[in-house]
Amino acid sequence: MKTVIAILVATIAVAAQDQVEKPGNGVTMPQVVKTVKAQYTQEARDAHIEGRVTVDAVVLADGTVGQVKLEKSLDPTYGLDQAALDATKQWTFKPGTKDGKPIAVQVAIEHTFTLK
């Protein structure tokens, strides 16, 4: 019975993410409540890699981050791309709305890696 429930919950989550809007045309942007900074990996530090990673993320109607994917890669080898994805999944938002109701909205989030 637990397997059936898990499959049903996963199906509902996927269906909800299928109805993702983009900001504009009556859809408001989600507002950031909490950010998590992407962490440098030691390998990327040692390789002196600096730059930006852009992540496309779906902010769900409850303000959490659902699906994430790389829009612009910086470092597939030393872990900075993955660090950006992992950090983005921990962000929270006041959700975007359409007609006054919270909805899932696609946003772009940029993570900048700079060595000091």
N, C-alpha and C. Protein backbone atom coordinates (compact mmCIF):
# COMPACT_ATOMS: atom_id res chain seq x y z
N MET A 1 0.82 -1.19 0.00
CA MET A 1 0.00 0.00 0.00
C MET A 1 0.87 1.26 0.00
N LYS A 2 1.99 1.28 0.71
CA LYS A 2 2.84 2.45 0.77
C LYS A 2 3.40 2.80 -0.61
N THR A 3 3.72 1.82 -1.40
CA THR A 3 4.25 2.06 -2.75
C THR A 3 3.22 2.78 -3.60
N VAL A 4 1.97 2.37 -3.53
CA VAL A 4 0.91 3.01 -4.31
C VAL A 4 0.77 4.47 -3.90
N ILE A 5 0.81 4.76 -2.62
CA ILE A 5 0.70 6.14 -2.14
C ILE A 5 1.88 6.97 -2.64
N ALA A 6 3.08 6.42 -2.58
CA ALA A 6 4.26 7.15 -3.04
C ALA A 6 4.16 7.46 -4.53
N ILE A 7 3.68 6.51 -5.30
CA ILE A 7 3.52 6.72 -6.74
C ILE A 7 2.46 7.79 -6.99
N LEU A 8 1.38 7.78 -6.25
CA LEU A 8 0.32 8.77 -6.40
C LEU A 8 0.85 10.16 -6.06
N VAL A 9 1.59 10.29 -4.96
CA VAL A 9 2.16 11.58 -4.57
C VAL A 9 3.12 12.07 -5.64
N ALA A 10 3.96 11.19 -6.17
CA ALA A 10 4.90 11.58 -7.22
C ALA A 10 4.16 12.03 -8.47
N THR A 11 3.07 11.36 -8.80
CA THR A 11 2.28 11.73 -9.98
C THR A 11 1.65 13.10 -9.79
N ILE A 12 1.13 13.37 -8.62
CA ILE A 12 0.53 14.68 -8.33
C ILE A 12 1.59 15.77 -8.43
N ALA A 13 2.78 15.53 -7.88
CA ALA A 13 3.85 16.52 -7.94
C ALA A 13 4.26 16.81 -9.37
N VAL A 14 4.37 15.79 -10.19
CA VAL A 14 4.74 15.98 -11.59
C VAL A 14 3.65 16.75 -12.31
N ALA A 15 2.40 16.41 -12.06
CA ALA A 15 1.28 17.11 -12.70
C ALA A 15 1.29 18.59 -12.32
N ALA A 16 1.57 18.89 -11.06
CA ALA A 16 1.60 20.29 -10.62
C ALA A 16 2.72 21.05 -11.32
N GLN A 17 3.87 20.40 -11.52
CA GLN A 17 4.99 21.08 -12.17
C GLN A 17 4.75 21.26 -13.66
N ASP A 18 3.85 20.49 -14.25
CA ASP A 18 3.54 20.63 -15.67
C ASP A 18 2.87 21.97 -15.94
N GLN A 19 2.21 22.56 -14.96
CA GLN A 19 1.49 23.81 -15.13
C GLN A 19 2.35 24.96 -14.63
N VAL A 20 3.52 25.11 -15.19
CA VAL A 20 4.46 26.14 -14.78
C VAL A 20 4.29 27.36 -15.67
N GLU A 21 4.21 28.52 -15.07
CA GLU A 21 4.05 29.78 -15.79
C GLU A 21 5.38 30.53 -15.79
N LYS A 22 5.50 31.46 -16.70
CA LYS A 22 6.64 32.37 -16.71
C LYS A 22 6.13 33.74 -16.28
N PRO A 23 6.98 34.55 -15.62
CA PRO A 23 6.54 35.87 -15.17
C PRO A 23 6.06 36.73 -16.34
N GLY A 24 5.11 37.60 -16.06
CA GLY A 24 4.53 38.47 -17.07
C GLY A 24 3.14 38.01 -17.42
N ASN A 25 2.41 38.83 -18.14
CA ASN A 25 1.06 38.45 -18.58
C ASN A 25 0.16 38.10 -17.39
N GLY A 26 0.24 38.90 -16.32
CA GLY A 26 -0.58 38.65 -15.14
C GLY A 26 0.03 37.71 -14.13
N VAL A 27 1.21 37.17 -14.42
CA VAL A 27 1.91 36.27 -13.49
C VAL A 27 2.98 37.08 -12.78
N THR A 28 2.91 37.12 -11.45
CA THR A 28 3.90 37.87 -10.68
C THR A 28 5.12 37.01 -10.38
N MET A 29 6.26 37.68 -10.23
CA MET A 29 7.50 37.00 -9.88
C MET A 29 7.46 36.53 -8.43
N PRO A 30 7.98 35.34 -8.17
CA PRO A 30 8.17 34.94 -6.77
C PRO A 30 9.18 35.88 -6.11
N GLN A 31 9.05 36.09 -4.82
CA GLN A 31 9.95 36.95 -4.07
C GLN A 31 10.82 36.09 -3.15
N VAL A 32 12.12 36.30 -3.20
CA VAL A 32 13.05 35.50 -2.40
C VAL A 32 12.83 35.76 -0.92
N VAL A 33 12.72 34.67 -0.16
CA VAL A 33 12.62 34.72 1.29
C VAL A 33 13.94 34.30 1.92
N LYS A 34 14.52 33.22 1.39
CA LYS A 34 15.79 32.70 1.94
C LYS A 34 16.66 32.21 0.80
N THR A 35 17.92 32.64 0.82
CA THR A 35 18.89 32.14 -0.15
C THR A 35 19.91 31.25 0.55
N VAL A 36 20.51 30.38 -0.23
CA VAL A 36 21.63 29.57 0.25
C VAL A 36 22.75 29.76 -0.75
N LYS A 37 23.89 30.19 -0.26
CA LYS A 37 25.04 30.45 -1.13
C LYS A 37 25.66 29.14 -1.58
N ALA A 38 25.91 29.04 -2.87
CA ALA A 38 26.59 27.85 -3.41
C ALA A 38 28.03 27.84 -2.90
N GLN A 39 28.48 26.68 -2.48
CA GLN A 39 29.80 26.56 -1.88
C GLN A 39 30.85 26.10 -2.90
N TYR A 40 32.01 26.73 -2.85
CA TYR A 40 33.13 26.30 -3.67
C TYR A 40 33.55 24.89 -3.27
N THR A 41 33.90 24.10 -4.23
CA THR A 41 34.56 22.83 -3.92
C THR A 41 36.06 23.12 -3.84
N GLN A 42 36.78 22.33 -3.10
CA GLN A 42 38.22 22.53 -2.99
C GLN A 42 38.89 22.36 -4.35
N GLU A 43 38.40 21.41 -5.15
CA GLU A 43 38.97 21.18 -6.48
C GLU A 43 38.83 22.40 -7.37
N ALA A 44 37.67 23.07 -7.31
CA ALA A 44 37.45 24.28 -8.11
C ALA A 44 38.34 25.42 -7.62
N ARG A 45 38.53 25.52 -6.30
CA ARG A 45 39.45 26.53 -5.75
C ARG A 45 40.87 26.28 -6.26
N ASP A 46 41.30 25.04 -6.18
CA ASP A 46 42.65 24.69 -6.61
C ASP A 46 42.85 24.97 -8.10
N ALA A 47 41.78 24.84 -8.89
CA ALA A 47 41.85 25.09 -10.33
C ALA A 47 41.62 26.58 -10.66
N HIS A 48 41.38 27.41 -9.64
CA HIS A 48 41.17 28.86 -9.79
C HIS A 48 40.00 29.18 -10.73
N ILE A 49 38.91 28.44 -10.59
CA ILE A 49 37.75 28.65 -11.44
C ILE A 49 36.86 29.73 -10.84
N GLU A 50 36.53 30.74 -11.64
CA GLU A 50 35.63 31.80 -11.25
C GLU A 50 34.61 32.02 -12.37
N GLY A 51 33.45 32.50 -12.00
CA GLY A 51 32.44 32.82 -13.01
C GLY A 51 31.05 32.61 -12.48
N ARG A 52 30.10 32.45 -13.42
CA ARG A 52 28.68 32.35 -13.06
C ARG A 52 28.06 31.06 -13.57
N VAL A 53 27.15 30.56 -12.76
CA VAL A 53 26.30 29.43 -13.15
C VAL A 53 24.87 29.95 -13.13
N THR A 54 24.13 29.72 -14.19
CA THR A 54 22.72 30.11 -14.22
C THR A 54 21.87 28.85 -14.15
N VAL A 55 20.92 28.89 -13.22
CA VAL A 55 20.04 27.75 -12.97
C VAL A 55 18.60 28.16 -13.28
N ASP A 56 17.91 27.36 -14.06
CA ASP A 56 16.47 27.52 -14.25
C ASP A 56 15.80 26.72 -13.14
N ALA A 57 14.88 27.36 -12.42
CA ALA A 57 14.22 26.69 -11.31
C ALA A 57 12.72 26.93 -11.38
N VAL A 58 11.97 25.97 -10.89
CA VAL A 58 10.52 26.12 -10.77
C VAL A 58 10.22 26.39 -9.30
N VAL A 59 9.69 27.59 -9.03
CA VAL A 59 9.23 27.92 -7.69
C VAL A 59 7.79 27.46 -7.60
N LEU A 60 7.55 26.49 -6.73
CA LEU A 60 6.22 25.90 -6.60
C LEU A 60 5.26 26.83 -5.85
N ALA A 61 4.00 26.51 -5.90
CA ALA A 61 2.96 27.34 -5.29
C ALA A 61 3.11 27.45 -3.77
N ASP A 62 3.87 26.54 -3.15
CA ASP A 62 4.11 26.64 -1.71
C ASP A 62 5.40 27.40 -1.38
N GLY A 63 6.10 27.91 -2.41
CA GLY A 63 7.30 28.71 -2.20
C GLY A 63 8.59 27.92 -2.17
N THR A 64 8.49 26.60 -2.25
CA THR A 64 9.71 25.79 -2.31
C THR A 64 10.16 25.66 -3.76
N VAL A 65 11.39 25.19 -3.94
CA VAL A 65 11.93 25.01 -5.28
C VAL A 65 11.71 23.57 -5.70
N GLY A 66 11.11 23.40 -6.87
CA GLY A 66 10.89 22.08 -7.43
C GLY A 66 12.02 21.71 -8.36
N GLN A 67 11.70 21.56 -9.61
CA GLN A 67 12.66 21.13 -10.62
C GLN A 67 13.71 22.22 -10.86
N VAL A 68 14.97 21.80 -10.96
CA VAL A 68 16.07 22.70 -11.31
C VAL A 68 16.88 22.10 -12.44
N LYS A 69 17.43 22.97 -13.29
CA LYS A 69 18.31 22.49 -14.35
C LYS A 69 19.29 23.60 -14.70
N LEU A 70 20.43 23.19 -15.22
CA LEU A 70 21.45 24.16 -15.61
C LEU A 70 21.03 24.88 -16.88
N GLU A 71 21.11 26.20 -16.84
CA GLU A 71 20.89 27.00 -18.03
C GLU A 71 22.24 27.38 -18.63
N LYS A 72 23.18 27.77 -17.74
CA LYS A 72 24.53 28.13 -18.20
C LYS A 72 25.54 27.49 -17.25
N SER A 73 26.34 26.60 -17.79
CA SER A 73 27.33 25.87 -17.01
C SER A 73 28.61 26.67 -16.87
N LEU A 74 29.29 26.49 -15.76
CA LEU A 74 30.61 27.05 -15.54
C LEU A 74 31.63 25.94 -15.40
N ASP A 75 31.26 24.91 -14.66
CA ASP A 75 32.26 23.91 -14.28
C ASP A 75 31.64 22.53 -14.08
N PRO A 76 31.53 21.75 -15.13
CA PRO A 76 30.99 20.39 -14.97
C PRO A 76 32.01 19.42 -14.36
N THR A 77 33.28 19.81 -14.29
CA THR A 77 34.33 18.91 -13.83
C THR A 77 34.59 18.96 -12.33
N TYR A 78 34.67 20.17 -11.76
CA TYR A 78 35.09 20.31 -10.36
C TYR A 78 33.95 20.58 -9.38
N GLY A 79 32.72 20.49 -9.85
CA GLY A 79 31.59 20.50 -8.94
C GLY A 79 30.84 21.80 -8.72
N LEU A 80 31.23 22.89 -9.39
CA LEU A 80 30.52 24.15 -9.15
C LEU A 80 29.11 24.14 -9.73
N ASP A 81 28.92 23.51 -10.87
CA ASP A 81 27.57 23.40 -11.43
C ASP A 81 26.66 22.68 -10.43
N GLN A 82 27.12 21.57 -9.90
CA GLN A 82 26.31 20.81 -8.94
C GLN A 82 26.10 21.60 -7.65
N ALA A 83 27.10 22.34 -7.21
CA ALA A 83 26.96 23.16 -6.01
C ALA A 83 25.86 24.21 -6.20
N ALA A 84 25.79 24.80 -7.40
CA ALA A 84 24.75 25.78 -7.69
C ALA A 84 23.37 25.13 -7.68
N LEU A 85 23.25 23.96 -8.28
CA LEU A 85 21.97 23.25 -8.28
C LEU A 85 21.54 22.90 -6.86
N ASP A 86 22.48 22.38 -6.07
CA ASP A 86 22.17 21.98 -4.69
C ASP A 86 21.74 23.18 -3.85
N ALA A 87 22.42 24.31 -4.01
CA ALA A 87 22.08 25.51 -3.24
C ALA A 87 20.69 26.02 -3.65
N THR A 88 20.43 26.05 -4.95
CA THR A 88 19.14 26.55 -5.43
C THR A 88 17.98 25.76 -4.85
N LYS A 89 18.13 24.46 -4.72
CA LYS A 89 17.05 23.61 -4.19
C LYS A 89 16.69 23.98 -2.75
N GLN A 90 17.58 24.71 -2.05
CA GLN A 90 17.34 25.07 -0.66
C GLN A 90 16.74 26.47 -0.49
N TRP A 91 16.61 27.22 -1.59
CA TRP A 91 16.01 28.55 -1.52
C TRP A 91 14.53 28.43 -1.21
N THR A 92 13.96 29.47 -0.59
CA THR A 92 12.52 29.55 -0.41
C THR A 92 12.04 30.92 -0.88
N PHE A 93 10.77 30.96 -1.27
CA PHE A 93 10.19 32.15 -1.87
C PHE A 93 8.79 32.40 -1.34
N LYS A 94 8.37 33.65 -1.47
CA LYS A 94 6.94 33.95 -1.44
C LYS A 94 6.52 33.66 -2.87
N PRO A 95 5.57 32.74 -3.09
CA PRO A 95 5.30 32.28 -4.45
C PRO A 95 4.76 33.38 -5.37
N GLY A 96 4.97 33.15 -6.65
CA GLY A 96 4.36 34.01 -7.65
C GLY A 96 2.86 33.73 -7.70
N THR A 97 2.12 34.67 -8.27
CA THR A 97 0.67 34.50 -8.32
C THR A 97 0.13 34.81 -9.72
N LYS A 98 -1.05 34.29 -9.95
CA LYS A 98 -1.83 34.63 -11.14
C LYS A 98 -3.28 34.73 -10.67
N ASP A 99 -3.90 35.84 -10.97
CA ASP A 99 -5.27 36.09 -10.51
C ASP A 99 -5.37 35.98 -8.99
N GLY A 100 -4.31 36.40 -8.30
CA GLY A 100 -4.30 36.40 -6.84
C GLY A 100 -4.05 35.05 -6.19
N LYS A 101 -3.83 34.01 -6.99
CA LYS A 101 -3.61 32.66 -6.44
C LYS A 101 -2.17 32.23 -6.65
N PRO A 102 -1.55 31.60 -5.64
CA PRO A 102 -0.17 31.11 -5.80
C PRO A 102 -0.09 30.06 -6.91
N ILE A 103 0.94 30.16 -7.71
CA ILE A 103 1.16 29.20 -8.80
C ILE A 103 2.64 28.89 -8.92
N ALA A 104 2.96 27.85 -9.68
CA ALA A 104 4.35 27.50 -9.97
C ALA A 104 4.86 28.44 -11.07
N VAL A 105 6.04 29.02 -10.84
CA VAL A 105 6.62 29.97 -11.78
C VAL A 105 8.07 29.60 -12.04
N GLN A 106 8.46 29.66 -13.31
CA GLN A 106 9.85 29.38 -13.69
C GLN A 106 10.67 30.66 -13.55
N VAL A 107 11.83 30.54 -12.91
CA VAL A 107 12.73 31.67 -12.72
C VAL A 107 14.16 31.25 -13.05
N ALA A 108 14.99 32.24 -13.31
CA ALA A 108 16.42 32.00 -13.51
C ALA A 108 17.15 32.55 -12.29
N ILE A 109 18.09 31.77 -11.77
CA ILE A 109 18.89 32.17 -10.61
C ILE A 109 20.35 32.07 -10.99
N GLU A 110 21.08 33.13 -10.72
CA GLU A 110 22.51 33.16 -11.07
C GLU A 110 23.35 33.05 -9.79
N HIS A 111 24.30 32.14 -9.83
CA HIS A 111 25.25 31.96 -8.73
C HIS A 111 26.63 32.42 -9.23
N THR A 112 27.27 33.33 -8.49
CA THR A 112 28.56 33.84 -8.87
C THR A 112 29.62 33.26 -7.96
N PHE A 113 30.67 32.72 -8.56
CA PHE A 113 31.79 32.15 -7.82
C PHE A 113 33.00 33.06 -8.02
N THR A 114 33.48 33.64 -6.92
CA THR A 114 34.62 34.55 -6.98
C THR A 114 35.61 34.16 -5.90
N LEU A 115 36.86 33.97 -6.27
CA LEU A 115 37.91 33.68 -5.30
C LEU A 115 38.39 35.00 -4.72
N LYS A 116 38.67 34.99 -3.43
CA LYS A 116 39.13 36.22 -2.78
C LYS A 116 40.60 36.13 -2.47
